């Protein structure tokens, strides 16, 4: 079953973008594509690389309980995935894909942590909507994203577009910074070392969950 999902996730992401191109004004699509290119060309928010020590952190999960990376990695490898928020259709598909392979992740003694700047209330809503059975953590002010070199500020010209689409990040994130993490997925071993890293400023492309699962099996 997981292999089937592997083959379809990127296709699902591409279908979302294709639909957006059909229903959104051309100038909006152009602004999205330009912002992706600018972020990529800037060289900022490149993320930590394989071999780096993963910064430890403690964040609140969807019910307000504290979850620390060091405590989770003591149990086994950790998949740490940074996503933009519940308002992002690409992120929703990615998290659902991880839920599909969660049993396989747990079979090898690994943990899955998903991190975004969403408030705990919004994280809880997201978790319940998709029946997610893993920790959904709230990174207030993107402090952890910054330590993983993923934080960036949404360009001014995109903020009004986001608001017009109902993506009022001030409300979702509980602040007016308009900062987000670049989507990224890491595998961190029991020694706190990054063994796998997928960081892409183009939020339309994500690591395939089955690729992540296969890497886990190779550890």
Foldseek 3Di string as FASTA:
>chain_A
DLVVLLVCLLVVLVVVVVVCVVPPDPVLNVVLVVQLVVVVVVPFQPFDDFFDFQDWDWFAFLVGDIDIPLVQQLQWKEKEKEDAAPVDPSVLSVQLSCQVCVVLCVVLRYAYEYEWLFDSPRNNVSCVVSVRPHTYGHDQPCPSLVVRRFKDADDPVCQVVCVVVVNNVCVGRVHDRNMTGQIKIFIAHSVRGTHDIDGGSNSSDDDRVVVVSVVSVVD
